[in-house]
Every structure is written in C-alpha cells, then in structure tokens.
Amino acid sequence: MDNFVLFHLGSDARVEVNSGEDGLTIEISHLRVRSFRLQLSWVRVQALASDDELLEDFLLDQLTIHRR
C-alpha cells in the first residue's frame, strides 16, 4: 500500500492502515486527492491481495474518484 501511494502521490501522502475484526480500514490523504477512507472486509482484502492487477485497478479507481 505504501509503495503504491508513494509512486502515485508522492512521499508527502499520508496512509493509515488499521485492522479490525471485520477487515481493514485504510485512510489516504494528500493535496492531489480529497482525503478518503476505505473499509474492506477480510474477504475483499484476500481477493485483492491474491491478484496484483485487481488490486492496482481498485486503488487507481479510488485515487481517480477522489482526485481534486
């Protein structure tokens, strides 16, 4: 996650990842995007983690949706 955000937004992006019983919560903030939070179930996390292309497409879509 950190490498993806670093590559697409830069080193000044802030990324927080927290795990819980129901899955992951990911918060991303940077000047080029409106700050946003993703809540992913463990089933979704497992699907994204097992397919690099799916993960990259999902994350790029999120950056595009939240672009300023």
PDB file of N, CA and C in Angstrom:
ATOM      1  N   MET A   1       0.825  -1.183   0.000  1.00  0.00           N
ATOM      2  CA  MET A   1       0.000   0.000   0.000  1.00  0.00           C
ATOM      3  C   MET A   1       0.874   1.254   0.000  1.00  0.00           C
ATOM      4  N   ASP A   2       1.849   1.283   0.910  1.00  0.00           N
ATOM      5  CA  ASP A   2       2.709   2.460   0.983  1.00  0.00           C
ATOM      6  C   ASP A   2       3.441   2.697  -0.333  1.00  0.00           C
ATOM      7  N   ASN A   3       3.962   1.639  -0.959  1.00  0.00           N
ATOM      8  CA  ASN A   3       4.678   1.801  -2.230  1.00  0.00           C
ATOM      9  C   ASN A   3       3.760   2.292  -3.336  1.00  0.00           C
ATOM     10  N   PHE A   4       2.543   1.801  -3.376  1.00  0.00           N
ATOM     11  CA  PHE A   4       1.579   2.242  -4.388  1.00  0.00           C
ATOM     12  C   PHE A   4       1.301   3.737  -4.224  1.00  0.00           C
ATOM     13  N   VAL A   5       0.999   4.156  -3.011  1.00  0.00           N
ATOM     14  CA  VAL A   5       0.680   5.561  -2.751  1.00  0.00           C
ATOM     15  C   VAL A   5       1.909   6.431  -2.991  1.00  0.00           C
ATOM     16  N   LEU A   6       3.075   5.974  -2.571  1.00  0.00           N
ATOM     17  CA  LEU A   6       4.301   6.718  -2.817  1.00  0.00           C
ATOM     18  C   LEU A   6       4.505   6.941  -4.306  1.00  0.00           C
ATOM     19  N   PHE A   7       4.317   5.918  -5.107  1.00  0.00           N
ATOM     20  CA  PHE A   7       4.511   6.016  -6.553  1.00  0.00           C
ATOM     21  C   PHE A   7       3.496   6.960  -7.190  1.00  0.00           C
ATOM     22  N   HIS A   8       2.230   6.879  -6.794  1.00  0.00           N
ATOM     23  CA  HIS A   8       1.173   7.651  -7.453  1.00  0.00           C
ATOM     24  C   HIS A   8       0.941   9.031  -6.857  1.00  0.00           C
ATOM     25  N   LEU A   9       1.269   9.241  -5.587  1.00  0.00           N
ATOM     26  CA  LEU A   9       1.018  10.534  -4.960  1.00  0.00           C
ATOM     27  C   LEU A   9       2.286  11.218  -4.462  1.00  0.00           C
ATOM     28  N   GLY A  10       3.254  10.458  -4.040  1.00  0.00           N
ATOM     29  CA  GLY A  10       4.495  11.047  -3.541  1.00  0.00           C
ATOM     30  C   GLY A  10       4.711  10.772  -2.068  1.00  0.00           C
ATOM     31  N   SER A  11       5.898  11.166  -1.601  1.00  0.00           N
ATOM     32  CA  SER A  11       6.297  10.854  -0.235  1.00  0.00           C
ATOM     33  C   SER A  11       5.549  11.660   0.812  1.00  0.00           C
ATOM     34  N   ASP A  12       4.858  12.724   0.399  1.00  0.00           N
ATOM     35  CA  ASP A  12       4.126  13.531   1.367  1.00  0.00           C
ATOM     36  C   ASP A  12       2.689  13.044   1.575  1.00  0.00           C
ATOM     37  N   ALA A  13       2.317  11.934   0.954  1.00  0.00           N
ATOM     38  CA  ALA A  13       0.986  11.346   1.180  1.00  0.00           C
ATOM     39  C   ALA A  13       0.956  10.690   2.552  1.00  0.00           C
ATOM     40  N   ARG A  14      -0.202  10.746   3.184  1.00  0.00           N
ATOM     41  CA  ARG A  14      -0.374  10.097   4.485  1.00  0.00           C
ATOM     42  C   ARG A  14      -1.278   8.891   4.305  1.00  0.00           C
ATOM     43  N   VAL A  15      -0.808   7.741   4.766  1.00  0.00           N
ATOM     44  CA  VAL A  15      -1.568   6.498   4.666  1.00  0.00           C
ATOM     45  C   VAL A  15      -1.634   5.861   6.053  1.00  0.00           C
ATOM     46  N   GLU A  16      -2.846   5.541   6.474  1.00  0.00           N
ATOM     47  CA  GLU A  16      -3.033   4.810   7.732  1.00  0.00           C
ATOM     48  C   GLU A  16      -3.810   3.550   7.421  1.00  0.00           C
ATOM     49  N   VAL A  17      -3.315   2.432   7.904  1.00  0.00           N
ATOM     50  CA  VAL A  17      -3.991   1.150   7.729  1.00  0.00           C
ATOM     51  C   VAL A  17      -4.224   0.562   9.114  1.00  0.00           C
ATOM     52  N   ASN A  18      -5.472   0.267   9.408  1.00  0.00           N
ATOM     53  CA  ASN A  18      -5.841  -0.327  10.688  1.00  0.00           C
ATOM     54  C   ASN A  18      -6.634  -1.600  10.432  1.00  0.00           C
ATOM     55  N   SER A  19      -6.309  -2.623  11.192  1.00  0.00           N
ATOM     56  CA  SER A  19      -7.037  -3.875  11.057  1.00  0.00           C
ATOM     57  C   SER A  19      -7.994  -4.038  12.227  1.00  0.00           C
ATOM     58  N   GLY A  20      -9.090  -4.678  11.935  1.00  0.00           N
ATOM     59  CA  GLY A  20     -10.086  -4.956  12.954  1.00  0.00           C
ATOM     60  C   GLY A  20     -10.702  -6.315  12.710  1.00  0.00           C
ATOM     61  N   GLU A  21     -11.659  -6.643  13.501  1.00  0.00           N
ATOM     62  CA  GLU A  21     -12.329  -7.928  13.382  1.00  0.00           C
ATOM     63  C   GLU A  21     -12.999  -8.111  12.022  1.00  0.00           C
ATOM     64  N   ASP A  22     -13.541  -7.014  11.486  1.00  0.00           N
ATOM     65  CA  ASP A  22     -14.304  -7.084  10.233  1.00  0.00           C
ATOM     66  C   ASP A  22     -13.472  -6.849   8.984  1.00  0.00           C
ATOM     67  N   GLY A  23     -12.225  -6.394   9.123  1.00  0.00           N
ATOM     68  CA  GLY A  23     -11.403  -6.158   7.950  1.00  0.00           C
ATOM     69  C   GLY A  23     -10.422  -5.023   8.169  1.00  0.00           C
ATOM     70  N   LEU A  24     -10.050  -4.370   7.071  1.00  0.00           N
ATOM     71  CA  LEU A  24      -9.088  -3.271   7.106  1.00  0.00           C
ATOM     72  C   LEU A  24      -9.782  -1.942   6.876  1.00  0.00           C
ATOM     73  N   THR A  25      -9.282  -0.925   7.547  1.00  0.00           N
ATOM     74  CA  THR A  25      -9.676   0.448   7.274  1.00  0.00           C
ATOM     75  C   THR A  25      -8.422   1.157   6.794  1.00  0.00           C
ATOM     76  N   ILE A  26      -8.519   1.783   5.631  1.00  0.00           N
ATOM     77  CA  ILE A  26      -7.388   2.472   5.022  1.00  0.00           C
ATOM     78  C   ILE A  26      -7.788   3.928   4.834  1.00  0.00           C
ATOM     79  N   GLU A  27      -6.949   4.829   5.317  1.00  0.00           N
ATOM     80  CA  GLU A  27      -7.185   6.255   5.150  1.00  0.00           C
ATOM     81  C   GLU A  27      -6.027   6.847   4.370  1.00  0.00           C
ATOM     82  N   ILE A  28      -6.360   7.643   3.349  1.00  0.00           N
ATOM     83  CA  ILE A  28      -5.350   8.260   2.496  1.00  0.00           C
ATOM     84  C   ILE A  28      -5.650   9.749   2.403  1.00  0.00           C
ATOM     85  N   SER A  29      -4.615  10.548   2.584  1.00  0.00           N
ATOM     86  CA  SER A  29      -4.774  11.987   2.392  1.00  0.00           C
ATOM     87  C   SER A  29      -3.543  12.536   1.680  1.00  0.00           C
ATOM     88  N   HIS A  30      -3.810  13.506   0.826  1.00  0.00           N
ATOM     89  CA  HIS A  30      -2.768  14.162   0.042  1.00  0.00           C
ATOM     90  C   HIS A  30      -3.393  15.369  -0.643  1.00  0.00           C
ATOM     91  N   LEU A  31      -2.575  16.317  -1.029  1.00  0.00           N
ATOM     92  CA  LEU A  31      -3.088  17.527  -1.680  1.00  0.00           C
ATOM     93  C   LEU A  31      -3.794  17.242  -3.009  1.00  0.00           C
ATOM     94  N   ARG A  32      -3.397  16.184  -3.696  1.00  0.00           N
ATOM     95  CA  ARG A  32      -3.993  15.889  -5.009  1.00  0.00           C
ATOM     96  C   ARG A  32      -5.288  15.103  -4.940  1.00  0.00           C
ATOM     97  N   VAL A  33      -5.666  14.626  -3.742  1.00  0.00           N
ATOM     98  CA  VAL A  33      -6.934  13.904  -3.590  1.00  0.00           C
ATOM     99  C   VAL A  33      -7.672  14.432  -2.365  1.00  0.00           C
ATOM    100  N   ARG A  34      -8.991  14.324  -2.419  1.00  0.00           N
ATOM    101  CA  ARG A  34      -9.775  14.574  -1.208  1.00  0.00           C
ATOM    102  C   ARG A  34      -9.485  13.407  -0.266  1.00  0.00           C
ATOM    103  N   SER A  35      -9.241  13.698   0.985  1.00  0.00           N
ATOM    104  CA  SER A  35      -8.976  12.623   1.953  1.00  0.00           C
ATOM    105  C   SER A  35     -10.117  11.623   1.923  1.00  0.00           C
ATOM    106  N   PHE A  36      -9.771  10.351   1.969  1.00  0.00           N
ATOM    107  CA  PHE A  36     -10.815   9.329   1.935  1.00  0.00           C
ATOM    108  C   PHE A  36     -10.441   8.129   2.774  1.00  0.00           C
ATOM    109  N   ARG A  37     -11.479   7.369   3.080  1.00  0.00           N
ATOM    110  CA  ARG A  37     -11.340   6.159   3.905  1.00  0.00           C
ATOM    111  C   ARG A  37     -11.983   4.998   3.160  1.00  0.00           C
ATOM    112  N   LEU A  38     -11.287   3.876   3.161  1.00  0.00           N
ATOM    113  CA  LEU A  38     -11.813   2.643   2.585  1.00  0.00           C
ATOM    114  C   LEU A  38     -11.987   1.633   3.704  1.00  0.00           C
ATOM    115  N   GLN A  39     -13.107   0.955   3.705  1.00  0.00           N
ATOM    116  CA  GLN A  39     -13.323  -0.126   4.658  1.00  0.00           C
ATOM    117  C   GLN A  39     -13.520  -1.402   3.847  1.00  0.00           C
ATOM    118  N   LEU A  40     -12.593  -2.334   4.016  1.00  0.00           N
ATOM    119  CA  LEU A  40     -12.592  -3.560   3.242  1.00  0.00           C
ATOM    120  C   LEU A  40     -12.762  -4.764   4.157  1.00  0.00           C
ATOM    121  N   SER A  41     -13.682  -5.636   3.786  1.00  0.00           N
ATOM    122  CA  SER A  41     -13.856  -6.876   4.544  1.00  0.00           C
ATOM    123  C   SER A  41     -12.633  -7.758   4.310  1.00  0.00           C
ATOM    124  N   TRP A  42     -12.444  -8.723   5.200  1.00  0.00           N
ATOM    125  CA  TRP A  42     -11.313  -9.637   5.029  1.00  0.00           C
ATOM    126  C   TRP A  42     -11.441 -10.448   3.743  1.00  0.00           C
ATOM    127  N   VAL A  43     -12.653 -10.749   3.328  1.00  0.00           N
ATOM    128  CA  VAL A  43     -12.862 -11.471   2.064  1.00  0.00           C
ATOM    129  C   VAL A  43     -12.358 -10.617   0.901  1.00  0.00           C
ATOM    130  N   ARG A  44     -12.696  -9.322   0.917  1.00  0.00           N
ATOM    131  CA  ARG A  44     -12.253  -8.403  -0.145  1.00  0.00           C
ATOM    132  C   ARG A  44     -10.734  -8.230  -0.105  1.00  0.00           C
ATOM    133  N   VAL A  45     -10.176  -8.101   1.094  1.00  0.00           N
ATOM    134  CA  VAL A  45      -8.723  -7.964   1.234  1.00  0.00           C
ATOM    135  C   VAL A  45      -8.023  -9.179   0.644  1.00  0.00           C
ATOM    136  N   GLN A  46      -8.532 -10.359   0.945  1.00  0.00           N
ATOM    137  CA  GLN A  46      -7.927 -11.588   0.431  1.00  0.00           C
ATOM    138  C   GLN A  46      -8.001 -11.634  -1.099  1.00  0.00           C
ATOM    139  N   ALA A  47      -9.131 -11.236  -1.660  1.00  0.00           N
ATOM    140  CA  ALA A  47      -9.283 -11.226  -3.124  1.00  0.00           C
ATOM    141  C   ALA A  47      -8.296 -10.241  -3.758  1.00  0.00           C
ATOM    142  N   LEU A  48      -8.171  -9.048  -3.179  1.00  0.00           N
ATOM    143  CA  LEU A  48      -7.256  -8.043  -3.733  1.00  0.00           C
ATOM    144  C   LEU A  48      -5.802  -8.466  -3.560  1.00  0.00           C
ATOM    145  N   ALA A  49      -5.484  -9.067  -2.433  1.00  0.00           N
ATOM    146  CA  ALA A  49      -4.102  -9.482  -2.162  1.00  0.00           C
ATOM    147  C   ALA A  49      -3.656 -10.631  -3.053  1.00  0.00           C
ATOM    148  N   SER A  50      -4.600 -11.400  -3.549  1.00  0.00           N
ATOM    149  CA  SER A  50      -4.229 -12.553  -4.375  1.00  0.00           C
ATOM    150  C   SER A  50      -4.159 -12.223  -5.865  1.00  0.00           C
ATOM    151  N   ASP A  51      -4.484 -10.974  -6.236  1.00  0.00           N
ATOM    152  CA  ASP A  51      -4.478 -10.591  -7.651  1.00  0.00           C
ATOM    153  C   ASP A  51      -3.912  -9.175  -7.774  1.00  0.00           C
ATOM    154  N   ASP A  52      -2.636  -9.075  -8.137  1.00  0.00           N
ATOM    155  CA  ASP A  52      -1.958  -7.775  -8.216  1.00  0.00           C
ATOM    156  C   ASP A  52      -2.659  -6.806  -9.164  1.00  0.00           C
ATOM    157  N   GLU A  53      -3.121  -7.303 -10.292  1.00  0.00           N
ATOM    158  CA  GLU A  53      -3.784  -6.439 -11.269  1.00  0.00           C
ATOM    159  C   GLU A  53      -5.108  -5.909 -10.725  1.00  0.00           C
ATOM    160  N   LEU A  54      -5.864  -6.758 -10.075  1.00  0.00           N
ATOM    161  CA  LEU A  54      -7.125  -6.344  -9.462  1.00  0.00           C
ATOM    162  C   LEU A  54      -6.875  -5.292  -8.388  1.00  0.00           C
ATOM    163  N   LEU A  55      -5.851  -5.500  -7.576  1.00  0.00           N
ATOM    164  CA  LEU A  55      -5.504  -4.543  -6.530  1.00  0.00           C
ATOM    165  C   LEU A  55      -5.133  -3.192  -7.132  1.00  0.00           C
ATOM    166  N   GLU A  56      -4.267  -3.187  -8.132  1.00  0.00           N
ATOM    167  CA  GLU A  56      -3.856  -1.924  -8.747  1.00  0.00           C
ATOM    168  C   GLU A  56      -5.037  -1.212  -9.392  1.00  0.00           C
ATOM    169  N   ASP A  57      -5.887  -1.934 -10.112  1.00  0.00           N
ATOM    170  CA  ASP A  57      -7.070  -1.322 -10.719  1.00  0.00           C
ATOM    171  C   ASP A  57      -7.991  -0.717  -9.666  1.00  0.00           C
ATOM    172  N   PHE A  58      -8.209  -1.437  -8.574  1.00  0.00           N
ATOM    173  CA  PHE A  58      -9.064  -0.955  -7.499  1.00  0.00           C
ATOM    174  C   PHE A  58      -8.498   0.331  -6.900  1.00  0.00           C
ATOM    175  N   LEU A  59      -7.202   0.332  -6.591  1.00  0.00           N
ATOM    176  CA  LEU A  59      -6.592   1.504  -5.972  1.00  0.00           C
ATOM    177  C   LEU A  59      -6.541   2.692  -6.928  1.00  0.00           C
ATOM    178  N   LEU A  60      -6.247   2.451  -8.192  1.00  0.00           N
ATOM    179  CA  LEU A  60      -6.263   3.545  -9.173  1.00  0.00           C
ATOM    180  C   LEU A  60      -7.658   4.139  -9.312  1.00  0.00           C
ATOM    181  N   ASP A  61      -8.665   3.298  -9.305  1.00  0.00           N
ATOM    182  CA  ASP A  61     -10.046   3.791  -9.350  1.00  0.00           C
ATOM    183  C   ASP A  61     -10.336   4.684  -8.141  1.00  0.00           C
ATOM    184  N   GLN A  62      -9.889   4.281  -6.973  1.00  0.00           N
ATOM    185  CA  GLN A  62     -10.123   5.078  -5.769  1.00  0.00           C
ATOM    186  C   GLN A  62      -9.420   6.431  -5.852  1.00  0.00           C
ATOM    187  N   LEU A  63      -8.191   6.446  -6.330  1.00  0.00           N
ATOM    188  CA  LEU A  63      -7.477   7.726  -6.491  1.00  0.00           C
ATOM    189  C   LEU A  63      -8.174   8.615  -7.512  1.00  0.00           C
ATOM    190  N   THR A  64      -8.672   8.030  -8.576  1.00  0.00           N
ATOM    191  CA  THR A  64      -9.377   8.798  -9.606  1.00  0.00           C
ATOM    192  C   THR A  64     -10.688   9.370  -9.065  1.00  0.00           C
ATOM    193  N   ILE A  65     -11.447   8.566  -8.353  1.00  0.00           N
ATOM    194  CA  ILE A  65     -12.717   9.011  -7.788  1.00  0.00           C
ATOM    195  C   ILE A  65     -12.502  10.183  -6.827  1.00  0.00           C
ATOM    196  N   HIS A  66     -11.434  10.161  -6.064  1.00  0.00           N
ATOM    197  CA  HIS A  66     -11.201  11.174  -5.037  1.00  0.00           C
ATOM    198  C   HIS A  66     -10.241  12.284  -5.462  1.00  0.00           C
ATOM    199  N   ARG A  67      -9.904  12.317  -6.738  1.00  0.00           N
ATOM    200  CA  ARG A  67      -8.988  13.330  -7.249  1.00  0.00           C
ATOM    201  C   ARG A  67      -9.599  14.718  -7.122  1.00  0.00           C
ATOM    202  N   ARG A  68      -8.774  15.682  -6.784  1.00  0.00           N
ATOM    203  CA  ARG A  68      -9.237  17.085  -6.699  1.00  0.00           C
ATOM    204  C   ARG A  68      -9.246  17.702  -8.065  1.00  0.00           C
TER     205      ARG A  68
END
